């Protein structure tokens, strides 16, 4: 599996369309969704993006049907986890300290964070 952290803006657009679907979708239908949005992608352009996403382990294709491997929430979690692992030695406390140092957090948000930590 490739590094799914590295996806282009266009690949992200493909993922967004796939996440909006309840199940697998025909590649032709996916292309039609982009055409309806004003994208003038050719079939090969979409196929290139799907191939890249497939190499990264983010989509599955079978019989001209395509679907996202992960839900949007699962993908976002994996992105966040990979960033924390890479940049903060996998330690949430280091991430939070860095975040709070550069960003203000109000009392309400602080209480919410504490509640979440206590509930987990």
PDB file of N, CA and C in Angstrom:
ATOM      1  N   UNK A   1       0.847  -1.176   0.000  1.00  0.00           N
ATOM      2  CA  UNK A   1       0.000   0.000   0.000  1.00  0.00           C
ATOM      3  C   UNK A   1       0.885   1.229   0.000  1.00  0.00           C
ATOM      4  N   UNK A   2       0.551   2.219  -0.822  1.00  0.00           N
ATOM      5  CA  UNK A   2       1.283   3.474  -0.856  1.00  0.00           C
ATOM      6  C   UNK A   2       0.940   4.325   0.353  1.00  0.00           C
ATOM      7  N   UNK A   3       1.577   5.473   0.420  1.00  0.00           N
ATOM      8  CA  UNK A   3       1.301   6.394   1.520  1.00  0.00           C
ATOM      9  C   UNK A   3       0.048   7.189   1.198  1.00  0.00           C
ATOM     10  N   UNK A   4      -1.060   6.816   1.819  1.00  0.00           N
ATOM     11  CA  UNK A   4      -2.308   7.498   1.485  1.00  0.00           C
ATOM     12  C   UNK A   4      -2.371   8.905   2.042  1.00  0.00           C
ATOM     13  N   UNK A   5      -1.378   9.308   2.825  1.00  0.00           N
ATOM     14  CA  UNK A   5      -1.327  10.692   3.288  1.00  0.00           C
ATOM     15  C   UNK A   5      -1.129  11.627   2.097  1.00  0.00           C
ATOM     16  N   UNK A   6      -0.447  11.160   1.097  1.00  0.00           N
ATOM     17  CA  UNK A   6      -0.097  11.984  -0.051  1.00  0.00           C
ATOM     18  C   UNK A   6      -1.127  11.830  -1.164  1.00  0.00           C
ATOM     19  N   UNK A   7      -2.244  12.538  -1.056  1.00  0.00           N
ATOM     20  CA  UNK A   7      -3.203  12.516  -2.154  1.00  0.00           C
ATOM     21  C   UNK A   7      -3.357  13.933  -2.692  1.00  0.00           C
ATOM     22  N   UNK A   8      -3.543  13.996  -3.982  1.00  0.00           N
ATOM     23  CA  UNK A   8      -3.679  15.289  -4.646  1.00  0.00           C
ATOM     24  C   UNK A   8      -5.082  15.854  -4.414  1.00  0.00           C
ATOM     25  N   UNK A   9      -5.251  17.097  -4.789  1.00  0.00           N
ATOM     26  CA  UNK A   9      -6.563  17.741  -4.677  1.00  0.00           C
ATOM     27  C   UNK A   9      -7.601  16.985  -5.510  1.00  0.00           C
ATOM     28  N   UNK A  10      -7.225  16.576  -6.701  1.00  0.00           N
ATOM     29  CA  UNK A  10      -8.156  15.841  -7.568  1.00  0.00           C
ATOM     30  C   UNK A  10      -8.501  14.477  -6.968  1.00  0.00           C
ATOM     31  N   UNK A  11      -7.512  13.793  -6.392  1.00  0.00           N
ATOM     32  CA  UNK A  11      -7.785  12.512  -5.747  1.00  0.00           C
ATOM     33  C   UNK A  11      -8.719  12.705  -4.558  1.00  0.00           C
ATOM     34  N   UNK A  12      -8.537  13.801  -3.835  1.00  0.00           N
ATOM     35  CA  UNK A  12      -9.425  14.119  -2.717  1.00  0.00           C
ATOM     36  C   UNK A  12     -10.861  14.323  -3.217  1.00  0.00           C
ATOM     37  N   UNK A  13     -10.998  14.982  -4.368  1.00  0.00           N
ATOM     38  CA  UNK A  13     -12.327  15.182  -4.949  1.00  0.00           C
ATOM     39  C   UNK A  13     -12.982  13.848  -5.283  1.00  0.00           C
ATOM     40  N   UNK A  14     -12.198  12.919  -5.809  1.00  0.00           N
ATOM     41  CA  UNK A  14     -12.729  11.585  -6.120  1.00  0.00           C
ATOM     42  C   UNK A  14     -13.197  10.909  -4.842  1.00  0.00           C
ATOM     43  N   UNK A  15     -12.380  10.992  -3.808  1.00  0.00           N
ATOM     44  CA  UNK A  15     -12.754  10.373  -2.538  1.00  0.00           C
ATOM     45  C   UNK A  15     -14.046  10.987  -1.987  1.00  0.00           C
ATOM     46  N   UNK A  16     -14.172  12.293  -2.083  1.00  0.00           N
ATOM     47  CA  UNK A  16     -15.385  12.956  -1.589  1.00  0.00           C
ATOM     48  C   UNK A  16     -16.627  12.428  -2.306  1.00  0.00           C
ATOM     49  N   UNK A  17     -16.527  12.264  -3.627  1.00  0.00           N
ATOM     50  CA  UNK A  17     -17.673  11.725  -4.383  1.00  0.00           C
ATOM     51  C   UNK A  17     -17.988  10.299  -3.945  1.00  0.00           C
ATOM     52  N   UNK A  18     -16.945   9.496  -3.738  1.00  0.00           N
ATOM     53  CA  UNK A  18     -17.165   8.113  -3.321  1.00  0.00           C
ATOM     54  C   UNK A  18     -17.781   8.052  -1.930  1.00  0.00           C
ATOM     55  N   UNK A  19     -17.345   8.920  -1.030  1.00  0.00           N
ATOM     56  CA  UNK A  19     -17.912   8.935   0.320  1.00  0.00           C
ATOM     57  C   UNK A  19     -19.366   9.364   0.319  1.00  0.00           C
ATOM     58  N   UNK A  20     -19.761  10.142  -0.662  1.00  0.00           N
ATOM     59  CA  UNK A  20     -21.156  10.576  -0.756  1.00  0.00           C
ATOM     60  C   UNK A  20     -22.083   9.451  -1.213  1.00  0.00           C
ATOM     61  N   UNK A  21     -21.521   8.353  -1.702  1.00  0.00           N
ATOM     62  CA  UNK A  21     -22.308   7.224  -2.194  1.00  0.00           C
ATOM     63  C   UNK A  21     -22.597   6.257  -1.051  1.00  0.00           C
ATOM     64  N   UNK A  22     -23.726   5.599  -1.124  1.00  0.00           N
ATOM     65  CA  UNK A  22     -24.074   4.621  -0.099  1.00  0.00           C
ATOM     66  C   UNK A  22     -23.334   3.302  -0.300  1.00  0.00           C
ATOM     67  N   UNK A  23     -22.955   3.010  -1.531  1.00  0.00           N
ATOM     68  CA  UNK A  23     -22.316   1.728  -1.835  1.00  0.00           C
ATOM     69  C   UNK A  23     -21.417   1.923  -3.045  1.00  0.00           C
ATOM     70  N   UNK A  24     -21.019   0.843  -3.665  1.00  0.00           N
ATOM     71  CA  UNK A  24     -20.214   0.909  -4.880  1.00  0.00           C
ATOM     72  C   UNK A  24     -20.954   1.692  -5.958  1.00  0.00           C
ATOM     73  N   UNK A  25     -20.188   2.248  -6.863  1.00  0.00           N
ATOM     74  CA  UNK A  25     -20.765   3.014  -7.961  1.00  0.00           C
ATOM     75  C   UNK A  25     -20.020   2.624  -9.237  1.00  0.00           C
ATOM     76  N   UNK A  26     -20.741   2.615 -10.350  1.00  0.00           N
ATOM     77  CA  UNK A  26     -20.093   2.347 -11.628  1.00  0.00           C
ATOM     78  C   UNK A  26     -19.160   3.508 -11.953  1.00  0.00           C
ATOM     79  N   UNK A  27     -18.030   3.182 -12.539  1.00  0.00           N
ATOM     80  CA  UNK A  27     -17.082   4.224 -12.913  1.00  0.00           C
ATOM     81  C   UNK A  27     -17.722   5.245 -13.839  1.00  0.00           C
ATOM     82  N   UNK A  28     -18.583   4.791 -14.737  1.00  0.00           N
ATOM     83  CA  UNK A  28     -19.264   5.707 -15.664  1.00  0.00           C
ATOM     84  C   UNK A  28     -20.177   6.663 -14.905  1.00  0.00           C
ATOM     85  N   UNK A  29     -20.839   6.156 -13.862  1.00  0.00           N
ATOM     86  CA  UNK A  29     -21.701   7.014 -13.045  1.00  0.00           C
ATOM     87  C   UNK A  29     -20.868   8.041 -12.274  1.00  0.00           C
ATOM     88  N   UNK A  30     -19.719   7.609 -11.794  1.00  0.00           N
ATOM     89  CA  UNK A  30     -18.822   8.514 -11.081  1.00  0.00           C
ATOM     90  C   UNK A  30     -18.361   9.629 -12.010  1.00  0.00           C
ATOM     91  N   UNK A  31     -18.002   9.275 -13.226  1.00  0.00           N
ATOM     92  CA  UNK A  31     -17.601  10.267 -14.220  1.00  0.00           C
ATOM     93  C   UNK A  31     -18.751  11.243 -14.492  1.00  0.00           C
ATOM     94  N   UNK A  32     -19.957  10.730 -14.571  1.00  0.00           N
ATOM     95  CA  UNK A  32     -21.130  11.586 -14.807  1.00  0.00           C
ATOM     96  C   UNK A  32     -21.336  12.575 -13.658  1.00  0.00           C
ATOM     97  N   UNK A  33     -21.041  12.169 -12.438  1.00  0.00           N
ATOM     98  CA  UNK A  33     -21.157  13.080 -11.294  1.00  0.00           C
ATOM     99  C   UNK A  33     -20.189  14.254 -11.441  1.00  0.00           C
ATOM    100  N   UNK A  34     -18.986  13.965 -11.903  1.00  0.00           N
ATOM    101  CA  UNK A  34     -18.017  15.045 -12.121  1.00  0.00           C
ATOM    102  C   UNK A  34     -18.445  15.944 -13.277  1.00  0.00           C
ATOM    103  N   UNK A  35     -18.980  15.343 -14.329  1.00  0.00           N
ATOM    104  CA  UNK A  35     -19.466  16.135 -15.462  1.00  0.00           C
ATOM    105  C   UNK A  35     -20.596  17.060 -15.021  1.00  0.00           C
ATOM    106  N   UNK A  36     -21.472  16.569 -14.149  1.00  0.00           N
ATOM    107  CA  UNK A  36     -22.574  17.393 -13.641  1.00  0.00           C
ATOM    108  C   UNK A  36     -22.054  18.577 -12.827  1.00  0.00           C
ATOM    109  N   UNK A  37     -20.873  18.425 -12.250  1.00  0.00           N
ATOM    110  CA  UNK A  37     -20.244  19.511 -11.481  1.00  0.00           C
ATOM    111  C   UNK A  37     -19.405  20.433 -12.362  1.00  0.00           C
ATOM    112  N   UNK A  38     -19.407  20.167 -13.668  1.00  0.00           N
ATOM    113  CA  UNK A  38     -18.646  21.020 -14.586  1.00  0.00           C
ATOM    114  C   UNK A  38     -17.223  20.572 -14.843  1.00  0.00           C
ATOM    115  N   UNK A  39     -16.827  19.424 -14.325  1.00  0.00           N
ATOM    116  CA  UNK A  39     -15.491  18.883 -14.600  1.00  0.00           C
ATOM    117  C   UNK A  39     -15.514  18.247 -15.982  1.00  0.00           C
ATOM    118  N   UNK A  40     -14.527  18.556 -16.763  1.00  0.00           N
ATOM    119  CA  UNK A  40     -14.454  17.990 -18.112  1.00  0.00           C
ATOM    120  C   UNK A  40     -13.389  16.906 -18.178  1.00  0.00           C
ATOM    121  N   UNK A  41     -13.449  15.986 -17.218  1.00  0.00           N
ATOM    122  CA  UNK A  41     -12.494  14.894 -17.192  1.00  0.00           C
ATOM    123  C   UNK A  41     -12.871  13.849 -18.233  1.00  0.00           C
ATOM    124  N   UNK A  42     -11.875  13.288 -18.845  1.00  0.00           N
ATOM    125  CA  UNK A  42     -12.059  12.146 -19.738  1.00  0.00           C
ATOM    126  C   UNK A  42     -12.087  10.885 -18.867  1.00  0.00           C
ATOM    127  N   UNK A  43     -12.568   9.822 -19.450  1.00  0.00           N
ATOM    128  CA  UNK A  43     -12.615   8.545 -18.738  1.00  0.00           C
ATOM    129  C   UNK A  43     -11.226   8.141 -18.261  1.00  0.00           C
ATOM    130  N   UNK A  44     -10.208   8.346 -19.095  1.00  0.00           N
ATOM    131  CA  UNK A  44      -8.837   7.973 -18.732  1.00  0.00           C
ATOM    132  C   UNK A  44      -8.314   8.813 -17.563  1.00  0.00           C
ATOM    133  N   UNK A  45      -8.723  10.074 -17.495  1.00  0.00           N
ATOM    134  CA  UNK A  45      -8.299  10.934 -16.383  1.00  0.00           C
ATOM    135  C   UNK A  45      -8.815  10.363 -15.070  1.00  0.00           C
ATOM    136  N   UNK A  46     -10.108  10.043 -15.030  1.00  0.00           N
ATOM    137  CA  UNK A  46     -10.680   9.452 -13.826  1.00  0.00           C
ATOM    138  C   UNK A  46     -10.009   8.124 -13.524  1.00  0.00           C
ATOM    139  N   UNK A  47      -9.766   7.325 -14.542  1.00  0.00           N
ATOM    140  CA  UNK A  47      -9.120   6.029 -14.350  1.00  0.00           C
ATOM    141  C   UNK A  47      -7.731   6.195 -13.731  1.00  0.00           C
ATOM    142  N   UNK A  48      -7.008   7.218 -14.148  1.00  0.00           N
ATOM    143  CA  UNK A  48      -5.678   7.488 -13.581  1.00  0.00           C
ATOM    144  C   UNK A  48      -5.786   7.794 -12.091  1.00  0.00           C
ATOM    145  N   UNK A  49      -6.737   8.664 -11.729  1.00  0.00           N
ATOM    146  CA  UNK A  49      -6.919   8.994 -10.317  1.00  0.00           C
ATOM    147  C   UNK A  49      -7.331   7.762  -9.517  1.00  0.00           C
ATOM    148  N   UNK A  50      -8.232   6.959 -10.071  1.00  0.00           N
ATOM    149  CA  UNK A  50      -8.668   5.747  -9.380  1.00  0.00           C
ATOM    150  C   UNK A  50      -7.522   4.760  -9.221  1.00  0.00           C
ATOM    151  N   UNK A  51      -6.675   4.641 -10.236  1.00  0.00           N
ATOM    152  CA  UNK A  51      -5.517   3.740 -10.142  1.00  0.00           C
ATOM    153  C   UNK A  51      -4.578   4.182  -9.028  1.00  0.00           C
ATOM    154  N   UNK A  52      -4.337   5.475  -8.941  1.00  0.00           N
ATOM    155  CA  UNK A  52      -3.463   5.998  -7.873  1.00  0.00           C
ATOM    156  C   UNK A  52      -4.069   5.729  -6.503  1.00  0.00           C
ATOM    157  N   UNK A  53      -5.367   5.972  -6.375  1.00  0.00           N
ATOM    158  CA  UNK A  53      -6.040   5.746  -5.099  1.00  0.00           C
ATOM    159  C   UNK A  53      -6.074   4.263  -4.746  1.00  0.00           C
ATOM    160  N   UNK A  54      -6.185   3.431  -5.754  1.00  0.00           N
ATOM    161  CA  UNK A  54      -6.175   1.985  -5.537  1.00  0.00           C
ATOM    162  C   UNK A  54      -4.794   1.547  -5.046  1.00  0.00           C
ATOM    163  N   UNK A  55      -3.743   2.089  -5.640  1.00  0.00           N
ATOM    164  CA  UNK A  55      -2.375   1.772  -5.203  1.00  0.00           C
ATOM    165  C   UNK A  55      -2.139   2.191  -3.759  1.00  0.00           C
ATOM    166  N   UNK A  56      -2.796   3.239  -3.332  1.00  0.00           N
ATOM    167  CA  UNK A  56      -2.657   3.743  -1.961  1.00  0.00           C
ATOM    168  C   UNK A  56      -3.571   3.008  -0.988  1.00  0.00           C
ATOM    169  N   UNK A  57      -4.370   2.093  -1.510  1.00  0.00           N
ATOM    170  CA  UNK A  57      -5.254   1.307  -0.655  1.00  0.00           C
ATOM    171  C   UNK A  57      -6.515   2.028  -0.230  1.00  0.00           C
ATOM    172  N   UNK A  58      -6.895   3.056  -0.978  1.00  0.00           N
ATOM    173  CA  UNK A  58      -8.067   3.846  -0.602  1.00  0.00           C
ATOM    174  C   UNK A  58      -9.335   3.485  -1.349  1.00  0.00           C
ATOM    175  N   UNK A  59      -9.209   2.873  -2.524  1.00  0.00           N
ATOM    176  CA  UNK A  59     -10.387   2.442  -3.276  1.00  0.00           C
ATOM    177  C   UNK A  59     -10.208   1.001  -3.743  1.00  0.00           C
ATOM    178  N   UNK A  60     -11.339   0.368  -3.988  1.00  0.00           N
ATOM    179  CA  UNK A  60     -11.365  -0.971  -4.585  1.00  0.00           C
ATOM    180  C   UNK A  60     -12.187  -0.892  -5.856  1.00  0.00           C
ATOM    181  N   UNK A  61     -11.698  -1.584  -6.882  1.00  0.00           N
ATOM    182  CA  UNK A  61     -12.452  -1.662  -8.144  1.00  0.00           C
ATOM    183  C   UNK A  61     -12.649  -3.118  -8.513  1.00  0.00           C
ATOM    184  N   UNK A  62     -13.866  -3.403  -8.968  1.00  0.00           N
ATOM    185  CA  UNK A  62     -14.190  -4.753  -9.412  1.00  0.00           C
ATOM    186  C   UNK A  62     -15.323  -4.645 -10.414  1.00  0.00           C
ATOM    187  N   UNK A  63     -15.133  -5.206 -11.590  1.00  0.00           N
ATOM    188  CA  UNK A  63     -16.157  -5.201 -12.635  1.00  0.00           C
ATOM    189  C   UNK A  63     -16.696  -3.800 -12.923  1.00  0.00           C
ATOM    190  N   UNK A  64     -15.798  -2.861 -13.079  1.00  0.00           N
ATOM    191  CA  UNK A  64     -16.126  -1.463 -13.380  1.00  0.00           C
ATOM    192  C   UNK A  64     -16.912  -0.756 -12.271  1.00  0.00           C
ATOM    193  N   UNK A  65     -16.921  -1.376 -11.091  1.00  0.00           N
ATOM    194  CA  UNK A  65     -17.532  -0.767  -9.916  1.00  0.00           C
ATOM    195  C   UNK A  65     -16.399  -0.288  -9.011  1.00  0.00           C
ATOM    196  N   UNK A  66     -16.632   0.813  -8.332  1.00  0.00           N
ATOM    197  CA  UNK A  66     -15.597   1.376  -7.464  1.00  0.00           C
ATOM    198  C   UNK A  66     -16.228   1.786  -6.135  1.00  0.00           C
ATOM    199  N   UNK A  67     -15.462   1.629  -5.070  1.00  0.00           N
ATOM    200  CA  UNK A  67     -15.938   2.056  -3.754  1.00  0.00           C
ATOM    201  C   UNK A  67     -14.752   2.447  -2.894  1.00  0.00           C
ATOM    202  N   UNK A  68     -15.015   3.301  -1.916  1.00  0.00           N
ATOM    203  CA  UNK A  68     -13.995   3.707  -0.956  1.00  0.00           C
ATOM    204  C   UNK A  68     -13.761   2.552   0.022  1.00  0.00           C
ATOM    205  N   UNK A  69     -12.505   2.308   0.348  1.00  0.00           N
ATOM    206  CA  UNK A  69     -12.169   1.259   1.305  1.00  0.00           C
ATOM    207  C   UNK A  69     -12.520   1.705   2.720  1.00  0.00           C
ATOM    208  N   UNK A  70     -12.283   2.973   3.011  1.00  0.00           N
ATOM    209  CA  UNK A  70     -12.543   3.533   4.335  1.00  0.00           C
ATOM    210  C   UNK A  70     -13.663   4.565   4.276  1.00  0.00           C
ATOM    211  N   UNK A  71     -14.396   4.687   5.343  1.00  0.00           N
ATOM    212  CA  UNK A  71     -15.356   5.779   5.434  1.00  0.00           C
ATOM    213  C   UNK A  71     -14.564   7.075   5.591  1.00  0.00           C
ATOM    214  N   UNK A  72     -15.238   8.192   5.416  1.00  0.00           N
ATOM    215  CA  UNK A  72     -14.601   9.504   5.600  1.00  0.00           C
ATOM    216  C   UNK A  72     -14.015   9.602   7.015  1.00  0.00           C
ATOM    217  N   UNK A  73     -14.761   9.139   8.013  1.00  0.00           N
ATOM    218  CA  UNK A  73     -14.314   9.210   9.401  1.00  0.00           C
ATOM    219  C   UNK A  73     -13.074   8.338   9.628  1.00  0.00           C
ATOM    220  N   UNK A  74     -13.081   7.124   9.070  1.00  0.00           N
ATOM    221  CA  UNK A  74     -11.918   6.239   9.212  1.00  0.00           C
ATOM    222  C   UNK A  74     -10.690   6.851   8.546  1.00  0.00           C
ATOM    223  N   UNK A  75     -10.891   7.412   7.378  1.00  0.00           N
ATOM    224  CA  UNK A  75      -9.788   8.053   6.654  1.00  0.00           C
ATOM    225  C   UNK A  75      -9.223   9.222   7.455  1.00  0.00           C
ATOM    226  N   UNK A  76     -10.113  10.088   7.975  1.00  0.00           N
ATOM    227  CA  UNK A  76      -9.656  11.236   8.755  1.00  0.00           C
ATOM    228  C   UNK A  76      -8.892  10.785   9.994  1.00  0.00           C
ATOM    229  N   UNK A  77      -9.372   9.733  10.643  1.00  0.00           N
ATOM    230  CA  UNK A  77      -8.670   9.206  11.806  1.00  0.00           C
ATOM    231  C   UNK A  77      -7.275   8.725  11.419  1.00  0.00           C
ATOM    232  N   UNK A  78      -7.177   7.985  10.329  1.00  0.00           N
ATOM    233  CA  UNK A  78      -5.876   7.466   9.891  1.00  0.00           C
ATOM    234  C   UNK A  78      -4.922   8.600   9.517  1.00  0.00           C
ATOM    235  N   UNK A  79      -5.461   9.643   8.891  1.00  0.00           N
ATOM    236  CA  UNK A  79      -4.645  10.819   8.555  1.00  0.00           C
ATOM    237  C   UNK A  79      -4.102  11.461   9.830  1.00  0.00           C
ATOM    238  N   UNK A  80      -4.999  11.681  10.792  1.00  0.00           N
ATOM    239  CA  UNK A  80      -4.614  12.309  12.046  1.00  0.00           C
ATOM    240  C   UNK A  80      -3.590  11.450  12.788  1.00  0.00           C
ATOM    241  N   UNK A  81      -3.830  10.158  12.867  1.00  0.00           N
ATOM    242  CA  UNK A  81      -2.934   9.234  13.575  1.00  0.00           C
ATOM    243  C   UNK A  81      -1.562   9.224  12.922  1.00  0.00           C
ATOM    244  N   UNK A  82      -1.523   9.192  11.598  1.00  0.00           N
ATOM    245  CA  UNK A  82      -0.237   9.183  10.889  1.00  0.00           C
ATOM    246  C   UNK A  82       0.537  10.478  11.153  1.00  0.00           C
ATOM    247  N   UNK A  83      -0.163  11.603  11.173  1.00  0.00           N
ATOM    248  CA  UNK A  83       0.500  12.889  11.434  1.00  0.00           C
ATOM    249  C   UNK A  83       1.041  12.936  12.860  1.00  0.00           C
ATOM    250  N   UNK A  84       0.248  12.492  13.821  1.00  0.00           N
ATOM    251  CA  UNK A  84       0.706  12.499  15.218  1.00  0.00           C
ATOM    252  C   UNK A  84       1.870  11.528  15.390  1.00  0.00           C
ATOM    253  N   UNK A  85       1.788  10.360  14.778  1.00  0.00           N
ATOM    254  CA  UNK A  85       2.895   9.403  14.854  1.00  0.00           C
ATOM    255  C   UNK A  85       4.169   9.995  14.270  1.00  0.00           C
ATOM    256  N   UNK A  86       4.041  10.638  13.130  1.00  0.00           N
ATOM    257  CA  UNK A  86       5.197  11.181  12.414  1.00  0.00           C
ATOM    258  C   UNK A  86       5.783  12.408  13.114  1.00  0.00           C
ATOM    259  N   UNK A  87       4.939  13.328  13.527  1.00  0.00           N
ATOM    260  CA  UNK A  87       5.414  14.617  14.017  1.00  0.00           C
ATOM    261  C   UNK A  87       5.559  14.697  15.536  1.00  0.00           C
ATOM    262  N   UNK A  88       4.847  13.852  16.266  1.00  0.00           N
ATOM    263  CA  UNK A  88       4.832  13.964  17.727  1.00  0.00           C
ATOM    264  C   UNK A  88       5.136  12.636  18.412  1.00  0.00           C
ATOM    265  N   UNK A  89       5.903  11.770  17.733  1.00  0.00           N
ATOM    266  CA  UNK A  89       6.320  10.483  18.290  1.00  0.00           C
ATOM    267  C   UNK A  89       5.135   9.649  18.763  1.00  0.00           C
ATOM    268  N   UNK A  90       3.983   9.850  18.123  1.00  0.00           N
ATOM    269  CA  UNK A  90       2.801   9.081  18.471  1.00  0.00           C
ATOM    270  C   UNK A  90       2.162   9.487  19.782  1.00  0.00           C
ATOM    271  N   UNK A  91       2.579  10.612  20.320  1.00  0.00           N
ATOM    272  CA  UNK A  91       2.084  11.033  21.638  1.00  0.00           C
ATOM    273  C   UNK A  91       1.077  12.173  21.495  1.00  0.00           C
ATOM    274  N   UNK A  92      -0.149  11.860  21.855  1.00  0.00           N
ATOM    275  CA  UNK A  92      -1.223  12.846  21.791  1.00  0.00           C
ATOM    276  C   UNK A  92      -0.924  14.042  22.694  1.00  0.00           C
ATOM    277  N   UNK A  93      -0.304  13.790  23.828  1.00  0.00           N
ATOM    278  CA  UNK A  93       0.008  14.888  24.753  1.00  0.00           C
ATOM    279  C   UNK A  93       0.946  15.899  24.097  1.00  0.00           C
ATOM    280  N   UNK A  94       1.926  15.439  23.327  1.00  0.00           N
ATOM    281  CA  UNK A  94       2.833  16.356  22.627  1.00  0.00           C
ATOM    282  C   UNK A  94       2.080  17.148  21.559  1.00  0.00           C
ATOM    283  N   UNK A  95       1.169  16.487  20.853  1.00  0.00           N
ATOM    284  CA  UNK A  95       0.365  17.175  19.853  1.00  0.00           C
ATOM    285  C   UNK A  95      -0.486  18.258  20.514  1.00  0.00           C
ATOM    286  N   UNK A  96      -1.167  17.904  21.592  1.00  0.00           N
ATOM    287  CA  UNK A  96      -2.046  18.857  22.258  1.00  0.00           C
ATOM    288  C   UNK A  96      -1.254  20.047  22.801  1.00  0.00           C
ATOM    289  N   UNK A  97      -0.071  19.780  23.376  1.00  0.00           N
ATOM    290  CA  UNK A  97       0.757  20.865  23.895  1.00  0.00           C
ATOM    291  C   UNK A  97       1.164  21.806  22.776  1.00  0.00           C
ATOM    292  N   UNK A  98       1.556  21.262  21.635  1.00  0.00           N
ATOM    293  CA  UNK A  98       1.948  22.094  20.491  1.00  0.00           C
ATOM    294  C   UNK A  98       0.756  22.877  19.964  1.00  0.00           C
ATOM    295  N   UNK A  99      -0.398  22.246  19.906  1.00  0.00           N
ATOM    296  CA  UNK A  99      -1.598  22.910  19.392  1.00  0.00           C
ATOM    297  C   UNK A  99      -2.008  24.064  20.298  1.00  0.00           C
ATOM    298  N   UNK A 100      -2.078  23.806  21.593  1.00  0.00           N
ATOM    299  CA  UNK A 100      -2.529  24.823  22.539  1.00  0.00           C
ATOM    300  C   UNK A 100      -1.524  25.969  22.623  1.00  0.00           C
ATOM    301  N   UNK A 101      -0.253  25.670  22.430  1.00  0.00           N
ATOM    302  CA  UNK A 101       0.782  26.712  22.466  1.00  0.00           C
ATOM    303  C   UNK A 101       0.557  27.741  21.361  1.00  0.00           C
ATOM    304  N   UNK A 102       0.086  27.307  20.208  1.00  0.00           N
ATOM    305  CA  UNK A 102      -0.100  28.191  19.051  1.00  0.00           C
ATOM    306  C   UNK A 102      -1.541  28.642  18.838  1.00  0.00           C
ATOM    307  N   UNK A 103      -2.484  28.047  19.532  1.00  0.00           N
ATOM    308  CA  UNK A 103      -3.903  28.353  19.350  1.00  0.00           C
ATOM    309  C   UNK A 103      -4.549  28.592  20.713  1.00  0.00           C
ATOM    310  N   UNK A 104      -5.438  29.549  20.742  1.00  0.00           N
ATOM    311  CA  UNK A 104      -6.151  29.773  21.997  1.00  0.00           C
ATOM    312  C   UNK A 104      -7.298  28.780  22.099  1.00  0.00           C
ATOM    313  N   UNK A 105      -7.546  28.366  23.312  1.00  0.00           N
ATOM    314  CA  UNK A 105      -8.641  27.449  23.574  1.00  0.00           C
ATOM    315  C   UNK A 105      -9.457  28.073  24.705  1.00  0.00           C
ATOM    316  N   UNK A 106     -10.743  28.248  24.477  1.00  0.00           N
ATOM    317  CA  UNK A 106     -11.569  28.887  25.503  1.00  0.00           C
ATOM    318  C   UNK A 106     -11.980  27.863  26.565  1.00  0.00           C
ATOM    319  N   UNK A 107     -12.551  28.376  27.632  1.00  0.00           N
ATOM    320  CA  UNK A 107     -12.918  27.521  28.768  1.00  0.00           C
ATOM    321  C   UNK A 107     -13.904  26.428  28.365  1.00  0.00           C
ATOM    322  N   UNK A 108     -14.847  26.766  27.504  1.00  0.00           N
ATOM    323  CA  UNK A 108     -15.836  25.789  27.048  1.00  0.00           C
ATOM    324  C   UNK A 108     -15.168  24.646  26.280  1.00  0.00           C
ATOM    325  N   UNK A 109     -14.242  24.988  25.387  1.00  0.00           N
ATOM    326  CA  UNK A 109     -13.530  23.950  24.628  1.00  0.00           C
ATOM    327  C   UNK A 109     -12.666  23.098  25.555  1.00  0.00           C
ATOM    328  N   UNK A 110     -12.015  23.736  26.535  1.00  0.00           N
ATOM    329  CA  UNK A 110     -11.182  23.000  27.486  1.00  0.00           C
ATOM    330  C   UNK A 110     -12.031  21.993  28.266  1.00  0.00           C
ATOM    331  N   UNK A 111     -13.212  22.423  28.705  1.00  0.00           N
ATOM    332  CA  UNK A 111     -14.104  21.517  29.428  1.00  0.00           C
ATOM    333  C   UNK A 111     -14.543  20.353  28.551  1.00  0.00           C
ATOM    334  N   UNK A 112     -14.810  20.643  27.276  1.00  0.00           N
ATOM    335  CA  UNK A 112     -15.220  19.591  26.342  1.00  0.00           C
ATOM    336  C   UNK A 112     -14.100  18.561  26.147  1.00  0.00           C
ATOM    337  N   UNK A 113     -12.870  19.045  26.024  1.00  0.00           N
ATOM    338  CA  UNK A 113     -11.721  18.135  25.877  1.00  0.00           C
ATOM    339  C   UNK A 113     -11.594  17.263  27.126  1.00  0.00           C
ATOM    340  N   UNK A 114     -11.710  17.868  28.282  1.00  0.00           N
ATOM    341  CA  UNK A 114     -11.615  17.110  29.537  1.00  0.00           C
ATOM    342  C   UNK A 114     -12.727  16.058  29.608  1.00  0.00           C
ATOM    343  N   UNK A 115     -13.948  16.445  29.217  1.00  0.00           N
ATOM    344  CA  UNK A 115     -15.068  15.499  29.228  1.00  0.00           C
ATOM    345  C   UNK A 115     -14.792  14.319  28.299  1.00  0.00           C
ATOM    346  N   UNK A 116     -14.281  14.606  27.116  1.00  0.00           N
ATOM    347  CA  UNK A 116     -13.969  13.546  26.152  1.00  0.00           C
ATOM    348  C   UNK A 116     -12.912  12.604  26.712  1.00  0.00           C
ATOM    349  N   UNK A 117     -11.877  13.167  27.322  1.00  0.00           N
ATOM    350  CA  UNK A 117     -10.812  12.345  27.896  1.00  0.00           C
ATOM    351  C   UNK A 117     -11.330  11.491  29.055  1.00  0.00           C
ATOM    352  N   UNK A 118     -12.192  12.050  29.856  1.00  0.00           N
ATOM    353  CA  UNK A 118     -12.749  11.299  30.985  1.00  0.00           C
ATOM    354  C   UNK A 118     -13.681  10.182  30.526  1.00  0.00           C
ATOM    355  N   UNK A 119     -14.379  10.415  29.410  1.00  0.00           N
ATOM    356  CA  UNK A 119     -15.314   9.413  28.886  1.00  0.00           C
ATOM    357  C   UNK A 119     -14.618   8.276  28.139  1.00  0.00           C
ATOM    358  N   UNK A 120     -13.362   8.500  27.748  1.00  0.00           N
ATOM    359  CA  UNK A 120     -12.691   7.446  26.957  1.00  0.00           C
ATOM    360  C   UNK A 120     -11.897   6.499  27.797  1.00  0.00           C
TER     361      UNK A 120
END
